[in-house]
Amino acid sequence: LVSRTPDLTLLACEGHITQSTLNAAG
């Protein structure tokens, strides 16, 4: 979570989005 206001939420993703990483982290 980078920042959040009533109008806008900023998120940042880092690394690999794959089956193995999703299985490991949920």
PDB file of all heavy atoms in Angstrom:
ATOM      1  N   LEU A   1       0.850  -1.183   0.000  1.00  0.00           N
ATOM      2  CA  LEU A   1       0.000   0.000   0.000  1.00  0.00           C
ATOM      3  C   LEU A   1       0.888   1.236   0.000  1.00  0.00           C
ATOM      4  O   LEU A   1       1.677   1.449   0.924  1.00  0.00           O
ATOM      5  CB  LEU A   1      -0.911  -0.002   1.236  1.00  0.00           C
ATOM      6  CG  LEU A   1      -1.752   1.254   1.461  1.00  0.00           C
ATOM      7  CD1 LEU A   1      -2.722   1.487   0.301  1.00  0.00           C
ATOM      8  CD2 LEU A   1      -2.508   1.160   2.789  1.00  0.00           C
ATOM      9  N   VAL A   2       0.791   2.038  -1.053  1.00  0.00           N
ATOM     10  CA  VAL A   2       1.603   3.254  -1.170  1.00  0.00           C
ATOM     11  C   VAL A   2       0.912   4.422  -0.491  1.00  0.00           C
ATOM     12  O   VAL A   2       1.519   5.162   0.295  1.00  0.00           O
ATOM     13  CB  VAL A   2       1.868   3.577  -2.659  1.00  0.00           C
ATOM     14  CG1 VAL A   2       2.678   4.870  -2.796  1.00  0.00           C
ATOM     15  CG2 VAL A   2       2.580   2.410  -3.339  1.00  0.00           C
ATOM     16  N   SER A   3      -0.374   4.603  -0.776  1.00  0.00           N
ATOM     17  CA  SER A   3      -1.145   5.675  -0.142  1.00  0.00           C
ATOM     18  C   SER A   3      -2.629   5.398  -0.338  1.00  0.00           C
ATOM     19  O   SER A   3      -3.031   4.643  -1.222  1.00  0.00           O
ATOM     20  CB  SER A   3      -0.784   7.047  -0.726  1.00  0.00           C
ATOM     21  OG  SER A   3      -1.168   7.131  -2.084  1.00  0.00           O
ATOM     22  N   ARG A   4      -3.431   6.053   0.491  1.00  0.00           N
ATOM     23  CA  ARG A   4      -4.884   5.883   0.387  1.00  0.00           C
ATOM     24  C   ARG A   4      -5.585   7.150   0.810  1.00  0.00           C
ATOM     25  O   ARG A   4      -5.294   7.702   1.870  1.00  0.00           O
ATOM     26  CB  ARG A   4      -5.367   4.717   1.243  1.00  0.00           C
ATOM     27  CG  ARG A   4      -6.853   4.380   1.048  1.00  0.00           C
ATOM     28  CD  ARG A   4      -7.210   3.106   1.810  1.00  0.00           C
ATOM     29  NE  ARG A   4      -8.569   2.655   1.491  1.00  0.00           N
ATOM     30  CZ  ARG A   4      -9.643   2.912   2.221  1.00  0.00           C
ATOM     31  NH1 ARG A   4      -9.516   3.639   3.323  1.00  0.00           N
ATOM     32  NH2 ARG A   4     -10.831   2.463   1.858  1.00  0.00           N
ATOM     33  N   THR A   5      -6.487   7.638  -0.053  1.00  0.00           N
ATOM     34  CA  THR A   5      -7.364   8.756   0.251  1.00  0.00           C
ATOM     35  C   THR A   5      -8.792   8.290  -0.032  1.00  0.00           C
ATOM     36  O   THR A   5      -8.998   7.216  -0.614  1.00  0.00           O
ATOM     37  CB  THR A   5      -7.025   9.977  -0.621  1.00  0.00           C
ATOM     38  OG1 THR A   5      -7.368   9.693  -1.990  1.00  0.00           O
ATOM     39  CG2 THR A   5      -5.549  10.337  -0.533  1.00  0.00           C
ATOM     40  N   PRO A   6      -9.798   9.082   0.344  1.00  0.00           N
ATOM     41  CA  PRO A   6     -11.170   8.681   0.027  1.00  0.00           C
ATOM     42  C   PRO A   6     -11.423   8.498  -1.468  1.00  0.00           C
ATOM     43  O   PRO A   6     -12.329   7.749  -1.851  1.00  0.00           O
ATOM     44  CB  PRO A   6     -12.003   9.842   0.594  1.00  0.00           C
ATOM     45  CG  PRO A   6     -11.170  10.388   1.712  1.00  0.00           C
ATOM     46  CD  PRO A   6      -9.758  10.263   1.221  1.00  0.00           C
ATOM     47  N   ASP A   7     -10.630   9.176  -2.307  1.00  0.00           N
ATOM     48  CA  ASP A   7     -10.851   9.114  -3.757  1.00  0.00           C
ATOM     49  C   ASP A   7      -9.970   8.108  -4.472  1.00  0.00           C
ATOM     50  O   ASP A   7     -10.343   7.611  -5.541  1.00  0.00           O
ATOM     51  CB  ASP A   7     -10.613  10.501  -4.390  1.00  0.00           C
ATOM     52  CG  ASP A   7     -11.602  11.536  -3.913  1.00  0.00           C
ATOM     53  OD1 ASP A   7     -12.781  11.163  -3.730  1.00  0.00           O
ATOM     54  OD2 ASP A   7     -11.205  12.691  -3.709  1.00  0.00           O
ATOM     55  N   LEU A   8      -8.813   7.792  -3.919  1.00  0.00           N
ATOM     56  CA  LEU A   8      -7.851   6.996  -4.672  1.00  0.00           C
ATOM     57  C   LEU A   8      -6.926   6.204  -3.758  1.00  0.00           C
ATOM     58  O   LEU A   8      -6.386   6.725  -2.784  1.00  0.00           O
ATOM     59  CB  LEU A   8      -7.008   7.925  -5.562  1.00  0.00           C
ATOM     60  CG  LEU A   8      -6.014   7.273  -6.507  1.00  0.00           C
ATOM     61  CD1 LEU A   8      -6.732   6.415  -7.541  1.00  0.00           C
ATOM     62  CD2 LEU A   8      -5.169   8.335  -7.210  1.00  0.00           C
ATOM     63  N   THR A   9      -6.750   4.925  -4.102  1.00  0.00           N
ATOM     64  CA  THR A   9      -5.811   4.046  -3.392  1.00  0.00           C
ATOM     65  C   THR A   9      -4.695   3.654  -4.347  1.00  0.00           C
ATOM     66  O   THR A   9      -4.954   3.193  -5.459  1.00  0.00           O
ATOM     67  CB  THR A   9      -6.526   2.780  -2.890  1.00  0.00           C
ATOM     68  OG1 THR A   9      -7.512   3.155  -1.927  1.00  0.00           O
ATOM     69  CG2 THR A   9      -5.538   1.827  -2.240  1.00  0.00           C
ATOM     70  N   LEU A  10      -3.454   3.839  -3.912  1.00  0.00           N
ATOM     71  CA  LEU A  10      -2.296   3.489  -4.725  1.00  0.00           C
ATOM     72  C   LEU A  10      -1.634   2.236  -4.160  1.00  0.00           C
ATOM     73  O   LEU A  10      -1.287   2.190  -2.981  1.00  0.00           O
ATOM     74  CB  LEU A  10      -1.280   4.637  -4.751  1.00  0.00           C
ATOM     75  CG  LEU A  10      -1.769   5.996  -5.260  1.00  0.00           C
ATOM     76  CD1 LEU A  10      -0.616   6.997  -5.283  1.00  0.00           C
ATOM     77  CD2 LEU A  10      -2.383   5.873  -6.652  1.00  0.00           C
ATOM     78  N   LEU A  11      -1.456   1.229  -5.020  1.00  0.00           N
ATOM     79  CA  LEU A  11      -0.761   0.002  -4.653  1.00  0.00           C
ATOM     80  C   LEU A  11       0.412  -0.211  -5.600  1.00  0.00           C
ATOM     81  O   LEU A  11       0.404   0.269  -6.734  1.00  0.00           O
ATOM     82  CB  LEU A  11      -1.703  -1.202  -4.742  1.00  0.00           C
ATOM     83  CG  LEU A  11      -2.939  -1.224  -3.845  1.00  0.00           C
ATOM     84  CD1 LEU A  11      -3.770  -2.471  -4.139  1.00  0.00           C
ATOM     85  CD2 LEU A  11      -2.549  -1.179  -2.371  1.00  0.00           C
ATOM     86  N   ALA A  12       1.399  -0.954  -5.140  1.00  0.00           N
ATOM     87  CA  ALA A  12       2.544  -1.297  -5.974  1.00  0.00           C
ATOM     88  C   ALA A  12       2.829  -2.790  -5.844  1.00  0.00           C
ATOM     89  O   ALA A  12       2.786  -3.347  -4.745  1.00  0.00           O
ATOM     90  CB  ALA A  12       3.774  -0.490  -5.567  1.00  0.00           C
ATOM     91  N   CYS A  13       3.102  -3.416  -6.980  1.00  0.00           N
ATOM     92  CA  CYS A  13       3.392  -4.846  -7.011  1.00  0.00           C
ATOM     93  C   CYS A  13       4.849  -5.053  -7.400  1.00  0.00           C
ATOM     94  O   CYS A  13       5.362  -4.373  -8.299  1.00  0.00           O
ATOM     95  CB  CYS A  13       2.463  -5.538  -8.010  1.00  0.00           C
ATOM     96  SG  CYS A  13       2.647  -7.320  -8.076  1.00  0.00           S
ATOM     97  N   GLU A  14       5.515  -6.000  -6.731  1.00  0.00           N
ATOM     98  CA  GLU A  14       6.931  -6.255  -6.998  1.00  0.00           C
ATOM     99  C   GLU A  14       7.186  -7.755  -7.062  1.00  0.00           C
ATOM    100  O   GLU A  14       6.631  -8.522  -6.280  1.00  0.00           O
ATOM    101  CB  GLU A  14       7.770  -5.629  -5.880  1.00  0.00           C
ATOM    102  CG  GLU A  14       9.269  -5.742  -6.075  1.00  0.00           C
ATOM    103  CD  GLU A  14      10.048  -5.033  -4.985  1.00  0.00           C
ATOM    104  OE1 GLU A  14       9.416  -4.344  -4.165  1.00  0.00           O
ATOM    105  OE2 GLU A  14      11.291  -5.186  -4.957  1.00  0.00           O
ATOM    106  N   GLY A  15       7.999  -8.168  -8.044  1.00  0.00           N
ATOM    107  CA  GLY A  15       8.369  -9.576  -8.149  1.00  0.00           C
ATOM    108  C   GLY A  15       7.636 -10.301  -9.252  1.00  0.00           C
ATOM    109  O   GLY A  15       7.243  -9.712 -10.264  1.00  0.00           O
ATOM    110  N   HIS A  16       7.448 -11.608  -9.083  1.00  0.00           N
ATOM    111  CA  HIS A  16       6.793 -12.459 -10.074  1.00  0.00           C
ATOM    112  C   HIS A  16       5.359 -12.747  -9.642  1.00  0.00           C
ATOM    113  O   HIS A  16       5.125 -13.098  -8.472  1.00  0.00           O
ATOM    114  CB  HIS A  16       7.540 -13.785 -10.225  1.00  0.00           C
ATOM    115  CG  HIS A  16       8.887 -13.642 -10.839  1.00  0.00           C
ATOM    116  ND1 HIS A  16       9.576 -14.712 -11.362  1.00  0.00           N
ATOM    117  CD2 HIS A  16       9.693 -12.562 -11.025  1.00  0.00           C
ATOM    118  CE1 HIS A  16      10.730 -14.298 -11.845  1.00  0.00           C
ATOM    119  NE2 HIS A  16      10.832 -12.991 -11.634  1.00  0.00           N
ATOM    120  N   ILE A  17       4.416 -12.602 -10.572  1.00  0.00           N
ATOM    121  CA  ILE A  17       3.027 -12.987 -10.286  1.00  0.00           C
ATOM    122  C   ILE A  17       2.801 -14.310 -11.003  1.00  0.00           C
ATOM    123  O   ILE A  17       2.434 -14.358 -12.177  1.00  0.00           O
ATOM    124  CB  ILE A  17       2.026 -11.925 -10.767  1.00  0.00           C
ATOM    125  CG1 ILE A  17       2.438 -10.521 -10.360  1.00  0.00           C
ATOM    126  CG2 ILE A  17       0.630 -12.223 -10.201  1.00  0.00           C
ATOM    127  CD1 ILE A  17       1.508  -9.430 -10.848  1.00  0.00           C
ATOM    128  N   THR A  18       3.026 -15.387 -10.310  1.00  0.00           N
ATOM    129  CA  THR A  18       2.967 -16.718 -10.920  1.00  0.00           C
ATOM    130  C   THR A  18       2.229 -17.682  -9.999  1.00  0.00           C
ATOM    131  O   THR A  18       1.920 -17.356  -8.846  1.00  0.00           O
ATOM    132  CB  THR A  18       4.378 -17.265 -11.182  1.00  0.00           C
ATOM    133  OG1 THR A  18       5.059 -17.394  -9.919  1.00  0.00           O
ATOM    134  CG2 THR A  18       5.180 -16.340 -12.087  1.00  0.00           C
ATOM    135  N   GLN A  19       1.991 -18.851 -10.501  1.00  0.00           N
ATOM    136  CA  GLN A  19       1.294 -19.867  -9.707  1.00  0.00           C
ATOM    137  C   GLN A  19       2.044 -20.179  -8.425  1.00  0.00           C
ATOM    138  O   GLN A  19       1.453 -20.288  -7.344  1.00  0.00           O
ATOM    139  CB  GLN A  19       1.104 -21.146 -10.527  1.00  0.00           C
ATOM    140  CG  GLN A  19       0.343 -22.238  -9.781  1.00  0.00           C
ATOM    141  CD  GLN A  19       0.113 -23.467 -10.649  1.00  0.00           C
ATOM    142  OE1 GLN A  19       0.712 -23.610 -11.699  1.00  0.00           O
ATOM    143  NE2 GLN A  19      -0.759 -24.354 -10.198  1.00  0.00           N
ATOM    144  N   SER A  20       3.371 -20.308  -8.522  1.00  0.00           N
ATOM    145  CA  SER A  20       4.158 -20.669  -7.335  1.00  0.00           C
ATOM    146  C   SER A  20       4.137 -19.565  -6.287  1.00  0.00           C
ATOM    147  O   SER A  20       4.001 -19.836  -5.086  1.00  0.00           O
ATOM    148  CB  SER A  20       5.601 -20.988  -7.741  1.00  0.00           C
ATOM    149  OG  SER A  20       6.207 -19.866  -8.363  1.00  0.00           O
ATOM    150  N   THR A  21       4.243 -18.305  -6.703  1.00  0.00           N
ATOM    151  CA  THR A  21       4.242 -17.213  -5.716  1.00  0.00           C
ATOM    152  C   THR A  21       2.861 -17.021  -5.110  1.00  0.00           C
ATOM    153  O   THR A  21       2.730 -16.705  -3.933  1.00  0.00           O
ATOM    154  CB  THR A  21       4.723 -15.897  -6.351  1.00  0.00           C
ATOM    155  OG1 THR A  21       3.886 -15.562  -7.477  1.00  0.00           O
ATOM    156  CG2 THR A  21       6.162 -16.011  -6.824  1.00  0.00           C
ATOM    157  N   LEU A  22       1.826 -17.220  -5.905  1.00  0.00           N
ATOM    158  CA  LEU A  22       0.467 -17.090  -5.382  1.00  0.00           C
ATOM    159  C   LEU A  22       0.138 -18.228  -4.425  1.00  0.00           C
ATOM    160  O   LEU A  22      -0.523 -18.039  -3.404  1.00  0.00           O
ATOM    161  CB  LEU A  22      -0.542 -17.046  -6.529  1.00  0.00           C
ATOM    162  CG  LEU A  22      -0.522 -15.770  -7.387  1.00  0.00           C
ATOM    163  CD1 LEU A  22      -1.370 -15.954  -8.635  1.00  0.00           C
ATOM    164  CD2 LEU A  22      -1.024 -14.580  -6.577  1.00  0.00           C
ATOM    165  N   ASN A  23       0.608 -19.428  -4.744  1.00  0.00           N
ATOM    166  CA  ASN A  23       0.383 -20.569  -3.847  1.00  0.00           C
ATOM    167  C   ASN A  23       1.112 -20.388  -2.526  1.00  0.00           C
ATOM    168  O   ASN A  23       0.628 -20.769  -1.453  1.00  0.00           O
ATOM    169  CB  ASN A  23       0.859 -21.868  -4.514  1.00  0.00           C
ATOM    170  CG  ASN A  23      -0.086 -22.330  -5.600  1.00  0.00           C
ATOM    171  OD1 ASN A  23      -1.240 -21.891  -5.666  1.00  0.00           O
ATOM    172  ND2 ASN A  23       0.389 -23.211  -6.477  1.00  0.00           N
ATOM    173  N   ALA A  24       2.291 -19.784  -2.607  1.00  0.00           N
ATOM    174  CA  ALA A  24       3.103 -19.608  -1.395  1.00  0.00           C
ATOM    175  C   ALA A  24       2.560 -18.513  -0.487  1.00  0.00           C
ATOM    176  O   ALA A  24       2.576 -18.646   0.742  1.00  0.00           O
ATOM    177  CB  ALA A  24       4.543 -19.291  -1.792  1.00  0.00           C
ATOM    178  N   ALA A  25       2.053 -17.437  -1.120  1.00  0.00           N
ATOM    179  CA  ALA A  25       1.645 -16.268  -0.329  1.00  0.00           C
ATOM    180  C   ALA A  25       0.135 -16.147  -0.163  1.00  0.00           C
ATOM    181  O   ALA A  25      -0.332 -15.362   0.662  1.00  0.00           O
ATOM    182  CB  ALA A  25       2.192 -14.993  -0.983  1.00  0.00           C
ATOM    183  N   GLY A  26      -0.634 -16.908  -0.916  1.00  0.00           N
ATOM    184  CA  GLY A  26      -2.081 -16.716  -0.905  1.00  0.00           C
ATOM    185  C   GLY A  26      -2.438 -15.457  -1.669  1.00  0.00           C
ATOM    186  O   GLY A  26      -1.631 -14.910  -2.419  1.00  0.00           O
TER     187      GLY A  26
END
